[in-house]
C-alpha atoms as a PDB file:
ATOM      1  CA  MET A   1     -16.043   7.612  46.204  1.00  0.00           C
ATOM      2  CA  SER A   2     -16.719   4.673  43.905  1.00  0.00           C
ATOM      3  CA  PHE A   3     -20.020   3.348  42.619  1.00  0.00           C
ATOM      4  CA  LEU A   4     -21.079  -0.064  41.389  1.00  0.00           C
ATOM      5  CA  LEU A   5     -21.535  -0.846  37.695  1.00  0.00           C
ATOM      6  CA  GLY A   6     -22.797  -3.947  35.938  1.00  0.00           C
ATOM      7  CA  GLY A   7     -21.628  -5.055  32.519  1.00  0.00           C
ATOM      8  CA  ILE A   8     -23.186  -7.461  30.030  1.00  0.00           C
ATOM      9  CA  ASP A   9     -21.228  -8.808  27.055  1.00  0.00           C
ATOM     10  CA  ILE A  10     -23.226 -10.676  24.395  1.00  0.00           C
ATOM     11  CA  GLY A  11     -21.132 -12.598  21.880  1.00  0.00           C
ATOM     12  CA  GLY A  12     -21.655 -15.216  19.233  1.00  0.00           C
ATOM     13  CA  THR A  13     -19.919 -17.971  21.178  1.00  0.00           C
ATOM     14  CA  LYS A  14     -19.988 -16.742  24.775  1.00  0.00           C
ATOM     15  CA  CYS A  15     -21.720 -14.294  27.067  1.00  0.00           C
ATOM     16  CA  ALA A  16     -20.438 -12.672  30.238  1.00  0.00           C
ATOM     17  CA  ALA A  17     -21.655 -10.638  33.182  1.00  0.00           C
ATOM     18  CA  VAL A  18     -19.102  -8.334  34.825  1.00  0.00           C
ATOM     19  CA  LEU A  19     -19.165  -6.406  38.089  1.00  0.00           C
ATOM     20  CA  GLY A  20     -17.025  -3.301  38.486  1.00  0.00           C
ATOM     21  CA  ALA A  21     -16.453  -0.354  40.794  1.00  0.00           C
ATOM     22  CA  SER A  22     -15.643   3.031  39.295  1.00  0.00           C
ATOM     23  CA  THR A  23     -14.788   6.485  40.525  1.00  0.00           C
ATOM     24  CA  GLY A  24     -15.419   7.792  37.019  1.00  0.00           C
ATOM     25  CA  GLU A  25     -11.668   8.279  36.568  1.00  0.00           C
ATOM     26  CA  THR A  26     -10.716   4.676  37.329  1.00  0.00           C
ATOM     27  CA  VAL A  27     -12.352   1.256  37.264  1.00  0.00           C
ATOM     28  CA  SER A  28     -11.773  -1.975  39.182  1.00  0.00           C
ATOM     29  CA  ILE A  29     -13.144  -5.227  37.798  1.00  0.00           C
ATOM     30  CA  LEU A  30     -14.479  -7.064  40.850  1.00  0.00           C
ATOM     31  CA  ASP A  31     -15.850 -10.300  39.414  1.00  0.00           C
ATOM     32  CA  LYS A  32     -17.070 -12.014  36.269  1.00  0.00           C
ATOM     33  CA  ILE A  33     -19.204 -14.949  35.158  1.00  0.00           C
ATOM     34  CA  SER A  34     -19.085 -16.235  31.573  1.00  0.00           C
ATOM     35  CA  PHE A  35     -20.819 -19.098  29.781  1.00  0.00           C
ATOM     36  CA  PRO A  36     -21.489 -20.356  26.235  1.00  0.00           C
ATOM     37  CA  THR A  37     -24.120 -18.292  24.420  1.00  0.00           C
ATOM     38  CA  PRO A  38     -27.510 -20.023  24.837  1.00  0.00           C
ATOM     39  CA  SER A  39     -29.521 -21.064  21.784  1.00  0.00           C
ATOM     40  CA  THR A  40     -32.211 -18.382  22.200  1.00  0.00           C
ATOM     41  CA  PRO A  41     -31.985 -14.689  23.111  1.00  0.00           C
ATOM     42  CA  GLU A  42     -34.657 -15.114  25.778  1.00  0.00           C
ATOM     43  CA  GLU A  43     -32.607 -17.773  27.561  1.00  0.00           C
ATOM     44  CA  ALA A  44     -29.440 -15.711  27.228  1.00  0.00           C
ATOM     45  CA  LEU A  45     -30.988 -12.614  28.803  1.00  0.00           C
ATOM     46  CA  VAL A  46     -32.375 -14.582  31.746  1.00  0.00           C
ATOM     47  CA  GLN A  47     -29.030 -16.289  32.381  1.00  0.00           C
ATOM     48  CA  LEU A  48     -27.173 -12.988  32.138  1.00  0.00           C
ATOM     49  CA  GLY A  49     -29.568 -11.385  34.615  1.00  0.00           C
ATOM     50  CA  ASP A  50     -29.120 -14.304  37.002  1.00  0.00           C
ATOM     51  CA  ALA A  51     -25.333 -14.098  36.640  1.00  0.00           C
ATOM     52  CA  LEU A  52     -25.259 -10.366  37.363  1.00  0.00           C
ATOM     53  CA  GLU A  53     -27.470 -10.821  40.407  1.00  0.00           C
ATOM     54  CA  GLN A  54     -25.178 -13.590  41.626  1.00  0.00           C
ATOM     55  CA  LEU A  55     -22.131 -11.322  41.217  1.00  0.00           C
ATOM     56  CA  VAL A  56     -23.714  -8.566  43.310  1.00  0.00           C
ATOM     57  CA  HIS A  57     -24.731 -10.963  46.080  1.00  0.00           C
ATOM     58  CA  ARG A  58     -21.528 -12.981  46.334  1.00  0.00           C
ATOM     59  CA  ASN A  59     -19.369  -9.841  46.451  1.00  0.00           C
ATOM     60  CA  ASN A  60     -21.636  -8.091  48.980  1.00  0.00           C
ATOM     61  CA  ALA A  61     -20.979  -5.076  46.793  1.00  0.00           C
ATOM     62  CA  GLY A  62     -23.974  -2.856  47.443  1.00  0.00           C
ATOM     63  CA  THR A  63     -26.411  -1.387  44.945  1.00  0.00           C
ATOM     64  CA  LEU A  64     -25.883  -1.200  41.196  1.00  0.00           C
ATOM     65  CA  GLN A  65     -26.002   2.325  39.747  1.00  0.00           C
ATOM     66  CA  ALA A  66     -26.154   1.415  36.039  1.00  0.00           C
ATOM     67  CA  ILE A  67     -25.769  -1.486  33.609  1.00  0.00           C
ATOM     68  CA  GLY A  68     -24.018  -1.421  30.246  1.00  0.00           C
ATOM     69  CA  ILE A  69     -24.473  -3.907  27.410  1.00  0.00           C
ATOM     70  CA  SER A  70     -21.877  -4.549  24.716  1.00  0.00           C
ATOM     71  CA  CYS A  71     -22.902  -6.537  21.633  1.00  0.00           C
ATOM     72  CA  GLY A  72     -21.895  -6.880  18.005  1.00  0.00           C
ATOM     73  CA  GLY A  73     -23.895  -4.719  15.598  1.00  0.00           C
ATOM     74  CA  PRO A  74     -26.052  -3.819  13.892  1.00  0.00           C
ATOM     75  CA  LEU A  75     -28.107  -2.481  16.755  1.00  0.00           C
ATOM     76  CA  SER A  76     -30.101   0.548  17.879  1.00  0.00           C
ATOM     77  CA  SER A  77     -28.627   2.144  20.979  1.00  0.00           C
ATOM     78  CA  LYS A  78     -31.587   4.547  21.214  1.00  0.00           C
ATOM     79  CA  GLU A  79     -34.213   1.791  21.210  1.00  0.00           C
ATOM     80  CA  GLY A  80     -32.089  -0.782  23.004  1.00  0.00           C
ATOM     81  CA  LEU A  81     -32.518  -3.295  20.191  1.00  0.00           C
ATOM     82  CA  VAL A  82     -30.138  -5.883  18.744  1.00  0.00           C
ATOM     83  CA  LEU A  83     -30.795  -6.082  14.988  1.00  0.00           C
ATOM     84  CA  SER A  84     -29.736  -9.477  13.608  1.00  0.00           C
ATOM     85  CA  PRO A  85     -25.939  -9.470  14.007  1.00  0.00           C
ATOM     86  CA  PRO A  86     -24.341 -12.060  11.699  1.00  0.00           C
ATOM     87  CA  ASN A  87     -22.827 -13.930  14.657  1.00  0.00           C
ATOM     88  CA  LEU A  88     -26.122 -14.065  16.605  1.00  0.00           C
ATOM     89  CA  PRO A  89     -28.739 -15.898  14.499  1.00  0.00           C
ATOM     90  CA  GLY A  90     -32.262 -15.384  15.821  1.00  0.00           C
ATOM     91  CA  TRP A  91     -31.483 -12.072  17.534  1.00  0.00           C
ATOM     92  CA  ASP A  92     -33.811 -10.049  15.307  1.00  0.00           C
ATOM     93  CA  ARG A  93     -35.031  -6.801  16.905  1.00  0.00           C
ATOM     94  CA  ILE A  94     -34.430  -8.151  20.400  1.00  0.00           C
ATOM     95  CA  ASP A  95     -34.983  -5.636  23.194  1.00  0.00           C
ATOM     96  CA  VAL A  96     -31.993  -6.294  25.460  1.00  0.00           C
ATOM     97  CA  CYS A  97     -32.294  -3.256  27.741  1.00  0.00           C
ATOM     98  CA  THR A  98     -35.831  -3.550  29.116  1.00  0.00           C
ATOM     99  CA  PRO A  99     -35.340  -6.915  30.898  1.00  0.00           C
ATOM    100  CA  PHE A 100     -32.372  -5.542  32.864  1.00  0.00           C
ATOM    101  CA  ARG A 101     -34.065  -2.192  33.483  1.00  0.00           C
ATOM    102  CA  ASN A 102     -37.145  -3.932  34.899  1.00  0.00           C
ATOM    103  CA  ARG A 103     -35.158  -6.412  36.964  1.00  0.00           C
ATOM    104  CA  PHE A 104     -32.557  -4.087  38.512  1.00  0.00           C
ATOM    105  CA  ARG A 105     -34.379  -0.725  38.342  1.00  0.00           C
ATOM    106  CA  VAL A 106     -31.311   1.198  37.129  1.00  0.00           C
ATOM    107  CA  PRO A 107     -30.335   2.975  33.864  1.00  0.00           C
ATOM    108  CA  VAL A 108     -29.284   0.531  31.127  1.00  0.00           C
ATOM    109  CA  GLY A 109     -27.313   1.423  27.982  1.00  0.00           C
ATOM    110  CA  LEU A 110     -26.425  -0.502  24.821  1.00  0.00           C
ATOM    111  CA  GLN A 111     -23.495   0.014  22.431  1.00  0.00           C
ATOM    112  CA  ASN A 112     -21.809  -2.067  19.769  1.00  0.00           C
ATOM    113  CA  ASP A 113     -18.589  -3.728  20.862  1.00  0.00           C
ATOM    114  CA  ALA A 114     -16.245  -1.312  19.048  1.00  0.00           C
ATOM    115  CA  ASN A 115     -17.964   1.717  20.582  1.00  0.00           C
ATOM    116  CA  ALA A 116     -17.895   0.049  23.992  1.00  0.00           C
ATOM    117  CA  CYS A 117     -14.148  -0.632  23.742  1.00  0.00           C
ATOM    118  CA  GLY A 118     -13.637   2.924  22.499  1.00  0.00           C
ATOM    119  CA  LEU A 119     -15.447   4.308  25.538  1.00  0.00           C
ATOM    120  CA  ALA A 120     -13.358   2.105  27.842  1.00  0.00           C
ATOM    121  CA  GLU A 121     -10.038   3.243  26.340  1.00  0.00           C
ATOM    122  CA  TRP A 122     -11.203   6.869  26.425  1.00  0.00           C
ATOM    123  CA  LYS A 123     -12.356   6.752  30.050  1.00  0.00           C
ATOM    124  CA  TRP A 124      -9.734   4.467  31.572  1.00  0.00           C
ATOM    125  CA  GLY A 125      -7.102   3.490  28.997  1.00  0.00           C
ATOM    126  CA  ALA A 126      -4.674   4.871  26.444  1.00  0.00           C
ATOM    127  CA  GLY A 127      -7.136   7.514  25.208  1.00  0.00           C
ATOM    128  CA  ARG A 128      -7.754   9.108  28.583  1.00  0.00           C
ATOM    129  CA  GLY A 129      -7.728  12.891  28.298  1.00  0.00           C
ATOM    130  CA  SER A 130      -8.265  12.861  24.529  1.00  0.00           C
ATOM    131  CA  GLU A 131     -10.887  15.067  22.891  1.00  0.00           C
ATOM    132  CA  ASN A 132     -10.782  13.364  19.482  1.00  0.00           C
ATOM    133  CA  MET A 133      -9.909   9.678  19.618  1.00  0.00           C
ATOM    134  CA  VAL A 134     -10.281   6.671  17.334  1.00  0.00           C
ATOM    135  CA  PHE A 135     -10.192   3.159  18.769  1.00  0.00           C
ATOM    136  CA  LEU A 136      -9.507   0.302  16.327  1.00  0.00           C
ATOM    137  CA  THR A 137     -10.309  -3.290  17.270  1.00  0.00           C
ATOM    138  CA  PHE A 138      -7.810  -5.061  14.913  1.00  0.00           C
ATOM    139  CA  GLY A 139      -8.711  -8.548  16.153  1.00  0.00           C
ATOM    140  CA  THR A 140     -11.192 -10.971  14.644  1.00  0.00           C
ATOM    141  CA  GLY A 141     -12.421  -8.006  12.619  1.00  0.00           C
ATOM    142  CA  MET A 142     -11.606  -4.338  12.112  1.00  0.00           C
ATOM    143  CA  GLY A 143     -14.016  -1.799  13.547  1.00  0.00           C
ATOM    144  CA  ALA A 144     -13.736   1.616  15.161  1.00  0.00           C
ATOM    145  CA  GLY A 145     -15.130   3.457  18.137  1.00  0.00           C
ATOM    146  CA  LEU A 146     -15.095   7.222  17.607  1.00  0.00           C
ATOM    147  CA  ILE A 147     -14.813   9.924  20.263  1.00  0.00           C
ATOM    148  CA  LEU A 148     -15.253  13.300  18.553  1.00  0.00           C
ATOM    149  CA  ASN A 149     -15.196  16.621  20.392  1.00  0.00           C
ATOM    150  CA  GLY A 150     -15.295  14.802  23.710  1.00  0.00           C
ATOM    151  CA  ARG A 151     -18.349  12.700  22.907  1.00  0.00           C
ATOM    152  CA  LEU A 152     -19.069   9.233  21.562  1.00  0.00           C
ATOM    153  CA  HIS A 153     -20.028   9.500  17.888  1.00  0.00           C
ATOM    154  CA  ALA A 154     -22.323   6.626  16.878  1.00  0.00           C
ATOM    155  CA  GLY A 155     -23.753   8.171  13.698  1.00  0.00           C
ATOM    156  CA  ALA A 156     -27.314   8.435  12.387  1.00  0.00           C
ATOM    157  CA  ASN A 157     -28.134   4.779  13.061  1.00  0.00           C
ATOM    158  CA  ASP A 158     -25.191   3.418  15.092  1.00  0.00           C
ATOM    159  CA  MET A 159     -23.169   2.545  11.986  1.00  0.00           C
ATOM    160  CA  ALA A 160     -20.384   5.115  12.415  1.00  0.00           C
ATOM    161  CA  GLY A 161     -16.951   3.538  12.650  1.00  0.00           C
ATOM    162  CA  GLU A 162     -17.435   0.648  10.216  1.00  0.00           C
ATOM    163  CA  VAL A 163     -13.942   1.278   8.879  1.00  0.00           C
ATOM    164  CA  GLY A 164     -13.342  -2.377   8.059  1.00  0.00           C
ATOM    165  CA  HIS A 165     -15.564  -1.949   4.991  1.00  0.00           C
ATOM    166  CA  ILE A 166     -13.273   0.670   3.397  1.00  0.00           C
ATOM    167  CA  ARG A 167     -11.598  -0.700   0.268  1.00  0.00           C
ATOM    168  CA  LEU A 168      -7.836  -0.129   0.381  1.00  0.00           C
ATOM    169  CA  ALA A 169      -6.891  -2.080  -2.765  1.00  0.00           C
ATOM    170  CA  GLU A 170      -8.616  -3.532  -5.803  1.00  0.00           C
ATOM    171  CA  ASP A 171      -7.336  -6.976  -4.890  1.00  0.00           C
ATOM    172  CA  GLY A 172      -6.613  -8.483  -1.516  1.00  0.00           C
ATOM    173  CA  PRO A 173      -7.966 -10.738   1.229  1.00  0.00           C
ATOM    174  CA  LEU A 174     -11.708 -10.896   1.802  1.00  0.00           C
ATOM    175  CA  GLY A 175     -12.999  -9.023   4.831  1.00  0.00           C
ATOM    176  CA  TYR A 176     -16.412  -7.558   5.681  1.00  0.00           C
ATOM    177  CA  GLY A 177     -17.736  -8.976   2.384  1.00  0.00           C
ATOM    178  CA  LYS A 178     -15.251  -7.021   0.278  1.00  0.00           C
ATOM    179  CA  TYR A 179     -11.924  -8.039  -1.264  1.00  0.00           C
ATOM    180  CA  GLY A 180      -9.066  -5.661  -0.503  1.00  0.00           C
ATOM    181  CA  SER A 181     -10.884  -4.075   2.445  1.00  0.00           C
ATOM    182  CA  PHE A 182      -9.316  -2.628   5.592  1.00  0.00           C
ATOM    183  CA  GLU A 183     -10.659  -5.633   7.515  1.00  0.00           C
ATOM    184  CA  GLY A 184      -9.397  -7.957   4.782  1.00  0.00           C
ATOM    185  CA  PHE A 185      -5.830  -6.815   5.322  1.00  0.00           C
ATOM    186  CA  CYS A 186      -5.938  -5.908   9.018  1.00  0.00           C
ATOM    187  CA  SER A 187      -7.645  -8.675  10.989  1.00  0.00           C
ATOM    188  CA  GLY A 188      -6.646 -12.084  12.270  1.00  0.00           C
ATOM    189  CA  GLY A 189      -8.456 -13.917   9.502  1.00  0.00           C
ATOM    190  CA  GLY A 190      -7.209 -11.501   6.862  1.00  0.00           C
ATOM    191  CA  ILE A 191      -3.582 -12.046   7.845  1.00  0.00           C
ATOM    192  CA  VAL A 192      -4.018 -15.812   7.490  1.00  0.00           C
ATOM    193  CA  ARG A 193      -5.796 -15.463   4.124  1.00  0.00           C
ATOM    194  CA  LEU A 194      -2.993 -13.231   2.862  1.00  0.00           C
ATOM    195  CA  ALA A 195      -0.413 -15.862   3.858  1.00  0.00           C
ATOM    196  CA  GLN A 196      -2.456 -18.584   2.163  1.00  0.00           C
ATOM    197  CA  LYS A 197      -2.693 -16.532  -1.036  1.00  0.00           C
ATOM    198  CA  MET A 198       1.051 -15.935  -1.119  1.00  0.00           C
ATOM    199  CA  VAL A 199       1.658 -19.659  -0.704  1.00  0.00           C
ATOM    200  CA  GLU A 200      -0.761 -20.381  -3.544  1.00  0.00           C
ATOM    201  CA  ASP A 201       1.065 -17.837  -5.709  1.00  0.00           C
ATOM    202  CA  GLY A 202       4.347 -19.646  -4.985  1.00  0.00           C
ATOM    203  CA  LYS A 203       6.105 -16.802  -3.188  1.00  0.00           C
ATOM    204  CA  ASP A 204       9.172 -18.238  -1.362  1.00  0.00           C
ATOM    205  CA  VAL A 205       7.192 -21.366  -0.564  1.00  0.00           C
ATOM    206  CA  GLU A 206      10.176 -23.686  -0.434  1.00  0.00           C
ATOM    207  CA  LYS A 207      11.916 -21.396   2.090  1.00  0.00           C
ATOM    208  CA  SER A 208       8.962 -20.796   4.389  1.00  0.00           C
ATOM    209  CA  THR A 209       8.813 -22.315   7.854  1.00  0.00           C
ATOM    210  CA  LEU A 210       5.054 -21.797   7.741  1.00  0.00           C
ATOM    211  CA  LEU A 211       4.848 -25.005   5.727  1.00  0.00           C
ATOM    212  CA  SER A 212       6.892 -26.952   8.259  1.00  0.00           C
ATOM    213  CA  ILE A 213       4.543 -26.127  11.142  1.00  0.00           C
ATOM    214  CA  ASP A 214       2.559 -29.183  12.224  1.00  0.00           C
ATOM    215  CA  LYS A 215      -0.568 -27.812  10.542  1.00  0.00           C
ATOM    216  CA  GLN A 216      -2.086 -27.553   7.099  1.00  0.00           C
ATOM    217  CA  ILE A 217      -1.788 -24.101   5.521  1.00  0.00           C
ATOM    218  CA  HIS A 218      -5.539 -23.534   6.016  1.00  0.00           C
ATOM    219  CA  GLU A 219      -5.131 -24.208   9.759  1.00  0.00           C
ATOM    220  CA  LEU A 220      -2.583 -21.460  10.381  1.00  0.00           C
ATOM    221  CA  SER A 221      -3.337 -18.574  12.739  1.00  0.00           C
ATOM    222  CA  ALA A 222      -2.207 -14.964  12.718  1.00  0.00           C
ATOM    223  CA  LYS A 223      -0.039 -15.854  15.725  1.00  0.00           C
ATOM    224  CA  ASP A 224       1.755 -18.492  13.608  1.00  0.00           C
ATOM    225  CA  VAL A 225       2.463 -15.892  10.924  1.00  0.00           C
ATOM    226  CA  PHE A 226       3.891 -13.373  13.400  1.00  0.00           C
ATOM    227  CA  GLU A 227       6.019 -15.991  15.132  1.00  0.00           C
ATOM    228  CA  ALA A 228       7.478 -17.032  11.777  1.00  0.00           C
ATOM    229  CA  ALA A 229       8.131 -13.384  10.884  1.00  0.00           C
ATOM    230  CA  HIS A 230       9.937 -12.790  14.192  1.00  0.00           C
ATOM    231  CA  ALA A 231      12.095 -15.825  13.340  1.00  0.00           C
ATOM    232  CA  GLY A 232      13.023 -14.277   9.985  1.00  0.00           C
ATOM    233  CA  ASP A 233      10.767 -16.295   7.680  1.00  0.00           C
ATOM    234  CA  GLU A 234      10.705 -14.444   4.333  1.00  0.00           C
ATOM    235  CA  LEU A 235       7.144 -15.318   3.387  1.00  0.00           C
ATOM    236  CA  ALA A 236       5.798 -14.340   6.800  1.00  0.00           C
ATOM    237  CA  MET A 237       7.772 -11.086   6.678  1.00  0.00           C
ATOM    238  CA  MET A 238       6.214 -10.296   3.281  1.00  0.00           C
ATOM    239  CA  VAL A 239       2.770 -10.820   4.818  1.00  0.00           C
ATOM    240  CA  ILE A 240       3.536  -8.529   7.758  1.00  0.00           C
ATOM    241  CA  HIS A 241       5.010  -5.900   5.421  1.00  0.00           C
ATOM    242  CA  THR A 242       1.769  -5.847   3.419  1.00  0.00           C
ATOM    243  CA  VAL A 243      -0.390  -5.746   6.555  1.00  0.00           C
ATOM    244  CA  SER A 244       1.667  -2.874   8.001  1.00  0.00           C
ATOM    245  CA  LYS A 245       1.505  -0.905   4.758  1.00  0.00           C
ATOM    246  CA  GLN A 246      -2.267  -1.271   4.526  1.00  0.00           C
ATOM    247  CA  LEU A 247      -2.709  -0.437   8.209  1.00  0.00           C
ATOM    248  CA  GLY A 248      -0.744   2.743   7.591  1.00  0.00           C
ATOM    249  CA  ARG A 249      -2.956   3.601   4.620  1.00  0.00           C
ATOM    250  CA  GLY A 250      -6.107   3.009   6.626  1.00  0.00           C
ATOM    251  CA  LEU A 251      -4.825   5.159   9.472  1.00  0.00           C
ATOM    252  CA  ALA A 252      -3.913   7.933   7.019  1.00  0.00           C
ATOM    253  CA  ILE A 253      -7.515   8.035   5.774  1.00  0.00           C
ATOM    254  CA  LEU A 254      -8.807   8.342   9.338  1.00  0.00           C
ATOM    255  CA  ILE A 255      -6.260  11.020  10.220  1.00  0.00           C
ATOM    256  CA  ASP A 256      -7.008  13.081   7.095  1.00  0.00           C
ATOM    257  CA  ILE A 257     -10.787  12.915   7.582  1.00  0.00           C
ATOM    258  CA  LEU A 258     -11.217  12.999  11.372  1.00  0.00           C
ATOM    259  CA  ASN A 259      -8.062  14.856  12.545  1.00  0.00           C
ATOM    260  CA  PRO A 260      -7.854  12.886  15.832  1.00  0.00           C
ATOM    261  CA  ASP A 261      -5.288  13.589  18.539  1.00  0.00           C
ATOM    262  CA  THR A 262      -5.076   9.878  19.447  1.00  0.00           C
ATOM    263  CA  ILE A 263      -5.573   6.554  17.676  1.00  0.00           C
ATOM    264  CA  VAL A 264      -5.666   3.568  20.024  1.00  0.00           C
ATOM    265  CA  ILE A 265      -5.275   0.136  18.433  1.00  0.00           C
ATOM    266  CA  GLY A 266      -6.143  -3.059  20.263  1.00  0.00           C
ATOM    267  CA  SER A 267      -5.596  -6.798  20.084  1.00  0.00           C
ATOM    268  CA  ILE A 268      -3.071  -7.763  17.369  1.00  0.00           C
ATOM    269  CA  TYR A 269      -1.403  -4.328  17.275  1.00  0.00           C
ATOM    270  CA  GLU A 270      -1.102  -4.208  21.051  1.00  0.00           C
ATOM    271  CA  ARG A 271       0.711  -7.559  21.018  1.00  0.00           C
ATOM    272  CA  GLN A 272       2.799  -6.935  17.882  1.00  0.00           C
ATOM    273  CA  GLU A 273       3.517  -3.191  18.048  1.00  0.00           C
ATOM    274  CA  SER A 274       7.288  -3.637  17.826  1.00  0.00           C
ATOM    275  CA  MET A 275       7.003  -5.375  14.455  1.00  0.00           C
ATOM    276  CA  LEU A 276       4.145  -3.344  12.959  1.00  0.00           C
ATOM    277  CA  ALA A 277       4.794   0.229  14.132  1.00  0.00           C
ATOM    278  CA  PRO A 278       7.948   1.101  12.126  1.00  0.00           C
ATOM    279  CA  LEU A 279       6.413   0.123   8.778  1.00  0.00           C
ATOM    280  CA  VAL A 280       3.075   1.692   9.706  1.00  0.00           C
ATOM    281  CA  MET A 281       4.769   5.009  10.463  1.00  0.00           C
ATOM    282  CA  GLU A 282       6.693   4.896   7.170  1.00  0.00           C
ATOM    283  CA  GLU A 283       3.426   4.574   5.269  1.00  0.00           C
ATOM    284  CA  LEU A 284       1.770   7.271   7.364  1.00  0.00           C
ATOM    285  CA  GLN A 285       4.595   9.668   6.566  1.00  0.00           C
ATOM    286  CA  ARG A 286       3.907   9.083   2.867  1.00  0.00           C
ATOM    287  CA  GLU A 287       0.100   9.133   2.979  1.00  0.00           C
ATOM    288  CA  ALA A 288      -1.207  11.378   5.764  1.00  0.00           C
ATOM    289  CA  LEU A 289      -1.333  15.166   5.821  1.00  0.00           C
ATOM    290  CA  PRO A 290       1.766  16.170   7.816  1.00  0.00           C
ATOM    291  CA  ILE A 291      -0.035  18.866   9.814  1.00  0.00           C
ATOM    292  CA  SER A 292      -2.682  16.329  10.912  1.00  0.00           C
ATOM    293  CA  LEU A 293      -0.238  13.497  11.525  1.00  0.00           C
ATOM    294  CA  GLY A 294       1.873  15.851  13.629  1.00  0.00           C
ATOM    295  CA  VAL A 295      -0.813  16.165  16.304  1.00  0.00           C
ATOM    296  CA  CYS A 296      -1.861  12.503  16.344  1.00  0.00           C
ATOM    297  CA  GLN A 297      -0.300   9.825  18.514  1.00  0.00           C
ATOM    298  CA  ILE A 298      -0.680   6.146  17.524  1.00  0.00           C
ATOM    299  CA  VAL A 299      -0.701   3.971  20.654  1.00  0.00           C
ATOM    300  CA  PRO A 300      -1.575   0.394  21.628  1.00  0.00           C
ATOM    301  CA  SER A 301      -4.496  -0.406  23.907  1.00  0.00           C
ATOM    302  CA  GLY A 302      -3.838   0.667  27.479  1.00  0.00           C
ATOM    303  CA  LEU A 303      -6.343  -1.801  28.904  1.00  0.00           C
ATOM    304  CA  LYS A 304      -4.811  -4.715  26.978  1.00  0.00           C
ATOM    305  CA  ASP A 305      -6.587  -8.007  27.777  1.00  0.00           C
ATOM    306  CA  ASN A 306      -8.996  -6.231  30.159  1.00  0.00           C
ATOM    307  CA  VAL A 307     -10.541  -4.062  27.451  1.00  0.00           C
ATOM    308  CA  GLY A 308     -13.346  -6.566  26.797  1.00  0.00           C
ATOM    309  CA  ASP A 309     -14.416  -6.641  30.442  1.00  0.00           C
ATOM    310  CA  ALA A 310     -14.039  -2.883  30.830  1.00  0.00           C
ATOM    311  CA  ALA A 311     -16.048  -2.246  27.639  1.00  0.00           C
ATOM    312  CA  SER A 312     -19.497  -3.078  28.999  1.00  0.00           C
ATOM    313  CA  LEU A 313     -18.692  -1.284  32.265  1.00  0.00           C
ATOM    314  CA  SER A 314     -17.779   1.850  30.301  1.00  0.00           C
ATOM    315  CA  VAL A 315     -21.206   1.711  28.621  1.00  0.00           C
ATOM    316  CA  ALA A 316     -22.737   1.582  32.099  1.00  0.00           C
ATOM    317  CA  LEU A 317     -20.699   4.628  33.156  1.00  0.00           C
ATOM    318  CA  HIS A 318     -21.681   6.413  29.931  1.00  0.00           C
ATOM    319  CA  GLU A 319     -25.372   5.795  30.686  1.00  0.00           C
ATOM    320  CA  TYR A 320     -24.958   6.748  34.335  1.00  0.00           C
ATOM    321  CA  GLU A 321     -23.382  10.081  33.389  1.00  0.00           C
ATOM    322  CA  LYS A 322     -26.086  10.778  30.783  1.00  0.00           C
ATOM    323  CA  GLN A 323     -28.794  10.264  33.397  1.00  0.00           C
ATOM    324  CA  ARG A 324     -27.115  12.670  35.810  1.00  0.00           C
ATOM    325  CA  LYS A 325     -26.907  15.546  33.307  1.00  0.00           C
END
């Protein structure tokens, strides 16, 4: 028997309402409405409520059992507050749960986007069946959702999993406000900044196809860098070698400290596993404790491009299950 879940995704550039049906073990995404993020939080919450109501009515889906909200942090999952995320100016101590709770009369939960994706991969994706799992975003930024001893671990104030802030080297691309950070090396923007720095330093510039792309060097994307590396471009391959090495080092830290049985990596890793994985595993063999590495599998996202839509629905399921205990 399946039950109906509502999902709300609040982002800096766009918002979305998602409708899903879940048995607990599986999820089906039934419908979705997205739109540019309105200028005020009040307007955004009203539009999201209207969108969710529209989804329920046009799918003749029945009665919602719970609603989950995914949003960039910082936030307070206990109080249901969004606490001034850098990509959401004006969202200062905004209560995002109460409006949906009052309107739909169902349990409503809030989690940051990394935790939400972690829950989704744990419930329905590549981490299903794991007791100790780490989910890494590896997209625009680098964050983690942690499942420890079969439970979501959010920390004392929802700041657990901010792995992008870990410094991996004294010098390196800027990420999360810190040069040489995990996010600096292992994110879309970090990969581009690393390529730009190598060009500035004159490394194989004259040989690089990156400079023959119909773009300025500051307009390159991580996709451009990977495509050039797949084509054998030496500069691009140097960038990917560095990224892979630092990803391996970051994973080794997580494995040594948390002893997970599964690490699920999304976005860029999921699309570029064949290029990244061999070098990552070489570095892991050098850096991680063998007894811990031996019980940990490193896998790409199982939900792939659907992880964002499934994320808010997994928060709804998480809240639904909490209420039933």
